[in-house]
C-alpha atoms as a PDB file:
ATOM      1  CA  UNK A   1       0.000   0.000   0.000  1.00  0.00           C
ATOM      2  CA  UNK A   2       1.470   3.356  -1.050  1.00  0.00           C
ATOM      3  CA  UNK A   3       0.759   6.300   1.187  1.00  0.00           C
ATOM      4  CA  UNK A   4       2.140   9.770   1.471  1.00  0.00           C
ATOM      5  CA  UNK A   5       1.108   9.808   5.134  1.00  0.00           C
ATOM      6  CA  UNK A   6       4.027   8.537   7.203  1.00  0.00           C
ATOM      7  CA  UNK A   7       2.843   9.987  10.505  1.00  0.00           C
ATOM      8  CA  UNK A   8      -0.743  10.493  11.629  1.00  0.00           C
ATOM      9  CA  UNK A   9      -2.176  12.123  14.737  1.00  0.00           C
ATOM     10  CA  UNK A  10      -5.430  11.091  16.368  1.00  0.00           C
ATOM     11  CA  UNK A  11      -7.438  13.594  18.360  1.00  0.00           C
ATOM     12  CA  UNK A  12     -10.650  12.597  20.113  1.00  0.00           C
ATOM     13  CA  UNK A  13     -13.393  14.427  21.934  1.00  0.00           C
ATOM     14  CA  UNK A  14     -12.187  13.848  25.470  1.00  0.00           C
ATOM     15  CA  UNK A  15     -14.054  16.679  27.246  1.00  0.00           C
ATOM     16  CA  UNK A  16     -17.341  14.763  27.448  1.00  0.00           C
ATOM     17  CA  UNK A  17     -16.998  11.602  29.559  1.00  0.00           C
ATOM     18  CA  UNK A  18     -20.004   9.793  28.058  1.00  0.00           C
ATOM     19  CA  UNK A  19     -18.819  10.546  24.502  1.00  0.00           C
ATOM     20  CA  UNK A  20     -15.325   9.395  25.415  1.00  0.00           C
ATOM     21  CA  UNK A  21     -16.620   6.094  26.780  1.00  0.00           C
ATOM     22  CA  UNK A  22     -18.403   5.438  23.485  1.00  0.00           C
ATOM     23  CA  UNK A  23     -15.344   6.132  21.374  1.00  0.00           C
ATOM     24  CA  UNK A  24     -12.577   4.768  23.599  1.00  0.00           C
ATOM     25  CA  UNK A  25     -12.508   1.401  21.820  1.00  0.00           C
ATOM     26  CA  UNK A  26     -12.719   3.072  18.392  1.00  0.00           C
ATOM     27  CA  UNK A  27      -9.727   5.281  19.205  1.00  0.00           C
ATOM     28  CA  UNK A  28      -7.688   2.262  20.285  1.00  0.00           C
ATOM     29  CA  UNK A  29      -8.727   0.252  17.208  1.00  0.00           C
ATOM     30  CA  UNK A  30      -7.801   3.112  14.883  1.00  0.00           C
ATOM     31  CA  UNK A  31      -4.414   3.695  16.527  1.00  0.00           C
ATOM     32  CA  UNK A  32      -3.574  -0.024  16.401  1.00  0.00           C
ATOM     33  CA  UNK A  33      -4.762  -0.299  12.791  1.00  0.00           C
ATOM     34  CA  UNK A  34      -2.497   2.551  11.685  1.00  0.00           C
ATOM     35  CA  UNK A  35       0.444   1.273  13.705  1.00  0.00           C
ATOM     36  CA  UNK A  36       0.107  -2.180  12.112  1.00  0.00           C
ATOM     37  CA  UNK A  37       0.567  -0.445   8.745  1.00  0.00           C
ATOM     38  CA  UNK A  38       3.912   0.948   9.962  1.00  0.00           C
ATOM     39  CA  UNK A  39       2.577   4.476  10.279  1.00  0.00           C
ATOM     40  CA  UNK A  40       3.946   6.608  13.093  1.00  0.00           C
ATOM     41  CA  UNK A  41       0.929   7.267  15.331  1.00  0.00           C
ATOM     42  CA  UNK A  42       0.669  10.305  17.583  1.00  0.00           C
ATOM     43  CA  UNK A  43      -2.160  10.757  20.076  1.00  0.00           C
ATOM     44  CA  UNK A  44      -3.069  14.201  21.366  1.00  0.00           C
ATOM     45  CA  UNK A  45      -1.983  14.131  25.012  1.00  0.00           C
ATOM     46  CA  UNK A  46      -5.391  14.832  26.602  1.00  0.00           C
ATOM     47  CA  UNK A  47      -7.030  12.247  24.342  1.00  0.00           C
ATOM     48  CA  UNK A  48      -4.388   9.672  25.320  1.00  0.00           C
ATOM     49  CA  UNK A  49      -4.774  10.417  29.026  1.00  0.00           C
ATOM     50  CA  UNK A  50      -8.577  10.409  29.168  1.00  0.00           C
ATOM     51  CA  UNK A  51      -9.004   7.437  26.810  1.00  0.00           C
ATOM     52  CA  UNK A  52      -6.223   5.548  28.607  1.00  0.00           C
ATOM     53  CA  UNK A  53      -4.271   4.962  25.387  1.00  0.00           C
ATOM     54  CA  UNK A  54      -0.645   4.018  25.952  1.00  0.00           C
ATOM     55  CA  UNK A  55       2.201   2.838  23.766  1.00  0.00           C
ATOM     56  CA  UNK A  56       1.939   5.722  21.305  1.00  0.00           C
ATOM     57  CA  UNK A  57       3.748   9.027  21.032  1.00  0.00           C
ATOM     58  CA  UNK A  58       1.848  11.962  22.505  1.00  0.00           C
ATOM     59  CA  UNK A  59       1.951  15.701  21.980  1.00  0.00           C
ATOM     60  CA  UNK A  60      -0.090  18.732  22.908  1.00  0.00           C
ATOM     61  CA  UNK A  61      -2.767  19.991  20.543  1.00  0.00           C
ATOM     62  CA  UNK A  62      -0.678  23.105  19.943  1.00  0.00           C
ATOM     63  CA  UNK A  63       2.376  21.122  18.770  1.00  0.00           C
ATOM     64  CA  UNK A  64       0.929  17.992  17.192  1.00  0.00           C
ATOM     65  CA  UNK A  65       0.174  19.529  13.787  1.00  0.00           C
ATOM     66  CA  UNK A  66       3.847  20.207  13.101  1.00  0.00           C
ATOM     67  CA  UNK A  67       4.779  16.569  13.777  1.00  0.00           C
ATOM     68  CA  UNK A  68       2.416  14.746  11.402  1.00  0.00           C
ATOM     69  CA  UNK A  69       1.258  14.520   7.783  1.00  0.00           C
ATOM     70  CA  UNK A  70      -2.431  13.988   8.622  1.00  0.00           C
ATOM     71  CA  UNK A  71      -4.724  14.507  11.605  1.00  0.00           C
ATOM     72  CA  UNK A  72      -7.722  12.275  12.234  1.00  0.00           C
ATOM     73  CA  UNK A  73     -10.351  13.862  14.456  1.00  0.00           C
ATOM     74  CA  UNK A  74     -12.919  11.669  16.177  1.00  0.00           C
ATOM     75  CA  UNK A  75     -15.905  13.608  17.452  1.00  0.00           C
ATOM     76  CA  UNK A  76     -18.530  15.833  15.965  1.00  0.00           C
ATOM     77  CA  UNK A  77     -18.627  19.078  14.048  1.00  0.00           C
ATOM     78  CA  UNK A  78     -17.690  21.100  17.128  1.00  0.00           C
ATOM     79  CA  UNK A  79     -14.598  18.998  17.695  1.00  0.00           C
ATOM     80  CA  UNK A  80     -13.618  19.374  14.030  1.00  0.00           C
ATOM     81  CA  UNK A  81     -13.992  23.157  14.219  1.00  0.00           C
ATOM     82  CA  UNK A  82     -12.022  23.375  17.447  1.00  0.00           C
ATOM     83  CA  UNK A  83      -9.146  21.266  16.104  1.00  0.00           C
ATOM     84  CA  UNK A  84      -9.118  23.103  12.767  1.00  0.00           C
ATOM     85  CA  UNK A  85      -8.908  26.421  14.587  1.00  0.00           C
ATOM     86  CA  UNK A  86      -6.027  25.149  16.755  1.00  0.00           C
ATOM     87  CA  UNK A  87      -4.047  23.759  13.813  1.00  0.00           C
ATOM     88  CA  UNK A  88      -4.645  26.549  11.277  1.00  0.00           C
ATOM     89  CA  UNK A  89      -0.965  27.590  11.260  1.00  0.00           C
ATOM     90  CA  UNK A  90       0.247  24.052  10.517  1.00  0.00           C
ATOM     91  CA  UNK A  91      -1.760  23.592   7.312  1.00  0.00           C
ATOM     92  CA  UNK A  92      -2.092  19.863   8.003  1.00  0.00           C
ATOM     93  CA  UNK A  93      -5.005  17.982   6.387  1.00  0.00           C
ATOM     94  CA  UNK A  94      -7.823  16.831   8.671  1.00  0.00           C
ATOM     95  CA  UNK A  95     -10.107  13.819   8.354  1.00  0.00           C
ATOM     96  CA  UNK A  96     -13.134  13.699  10.626  1.00  0.00           C
ATOM     97  CA  UNK A  97     -14.787  10.569  11.970  1.00  0.00           C
ATOM     98  CA  UNK A  98     -18.303  11.374  13.121  1.00  0.00           C
ATOM     99  CA  UNK A  99     -19.113  10.602  16.724  1.00  0.00           C
ATOM    100  CA  UNK A 100     -21.478  13.526  17.078  1.00  0.00           C
ATOM    101  CA  UNK A 101     -25.065  13.987  16.023  1.00  0.00           C
ATOM    102  CA  UNK A 102     -25.063  15.571  12.577  1.00  0.00           C
ATOM    103  CA  UNK A 103     -21.615  15.274  11.053  1.00  0.00           C
ATOM    104  CA  UNK A 104     -21.824  18.026   8.444  1.00  0.00           C
ATOM    105  CA  UNK A 105     -18.070  18.642   8.680  1.00  0.00           C
ATOM    106  CA  UNK A 106     -16.848  15.149   9.444  1.00  0.00           C
ATOM    107  CA  UNK A 107     -15.915  12.854   6.570  1.00  0.00           C
ATOM    108  CA  UNK A 108     -16.353   9.281   7.759  1.00  0.00           C
ATOM    109  CA  UNK A 109     -18.796   7.172   9.724  1.00  0.00           C
ATOM    110  CA  UNK A 110     -17.320   5.264  12.646  1.00  0.00           C
ATOM    111  CA  UNK A 111     -18.919   2.025  11.392  1.00  0.00           C
ATOM    112  CA  UNK A 112     -16.645   1.876   8.351  1.00  0.00           C
ATOM    113  CA  UNK A 113     -13.757   4.080   9.454  1.00  0.00           C
ATOM    114  CA  UNK A 114     -10.996   1.480   9.026  1.00  0.00           C
ATOM    115  CA  UNK A 115     -12.030   0.628   5.461  1.00  0.00           C
ATOM    116  CA  UNK A 116     -12.308   4.308   4.573  1.00  0.00           C
ATOM    117  CA  UNK A 117      -8.999   5.175   6.242  1.00  0.00           C
ATOM    118  CA  UNK A 118      -7.354   2.421   4.181  1.00  0.00           C
ATOM    119  CA  UNK A 119      -8.796   4.010   1.032  1.00  0.00           C
ATOM    120  CA  UNK A 120      -7.351   7.362   2.057  1.00  0.00           C
ATOM    121  CA  UNK A 121      -3.973   5.753   2.764  1.00  0.00           C
ATOM    122  CA  UNK A 122      -4.096   4.200  -0.705  1.00  0.00           C
ATOM    123  CA  UNK A 123      -4.490   7.676  -2.214  1.00  0.00           C
ATOM    124  CA  UNK A 124      -8.251   7.542  -2.828  1.00  0.00           C
ATOM    125  CA  UNK A 125      -9.203  11.003  -1.591  1.00  0.00           C
ATOM    126  CA  UNK A 126      -9.763  14.551  -2.735  1.00  0.00           C
ATOM    127  CA  UNK A 127      -8.200  17.321  -0.688  1.00  0.00           C
ATOM    128  CA  UNK A 128     -10.766  20.067  -0.096  1.00  0.00           C
ATOM    129  CA  UNK A 129      -9.397  23.413   1.048  1.00  0.00           C
ATOM    130  CA  UNK A 130     -11.706  25.176   3.492  1.00  0.00           C
ATOM    131  CA  UNK A 131     -11.918  28.810   4.447  1.00  0.00           C
ATOM    132  CA  UNK A 132     -11.646  30.027   8.032  1.00  0.00           C
ATOM    133  CA  UNK A 133     -13.791  33.044   8.769  1.00  0.00           C
ATOM    134  CA  UNK A 134     -13.210  35.536  11.530  1.00  0.00           C
ATOM    135  CA  UNK A 135     -15.793  37.999  12.772  1.00  0.00           C
ATOM    136  CA  UNK A 136     -15.951  40.674  15.439  1.00  0.00           C
ATOM    137  CA  UNK A 137     -19.030  42.222  16.974  1.00  0.00           C
END
């Protein structure tokens, strides 16, 4: 499998304990899946701590974007927006796995995330640039 992504960060919605409990297994499965493909896996430090994920490199949200080629965000639209805002200076691509309600901004469903991630790793994706708006009242 050819991939241009040699290192990938995983960031999950850790602030909500009930949401974290639902996705804890999914986060571990995703990290293990990527690691088995010889991809360097980074876990955002708060995600790793709250989801009890060990055995992977960790970094703060502020620094993780400069260490990886791709960031996978597991949560909902709010989590995607928050991570995108935090990583705007790093210009790193984001892939969202929906664990929220609507998923307008997320890309993948959790039910088929591993299959879809493999497609992305194989080069089957279209990079969509998005605009960040700023407003003052």
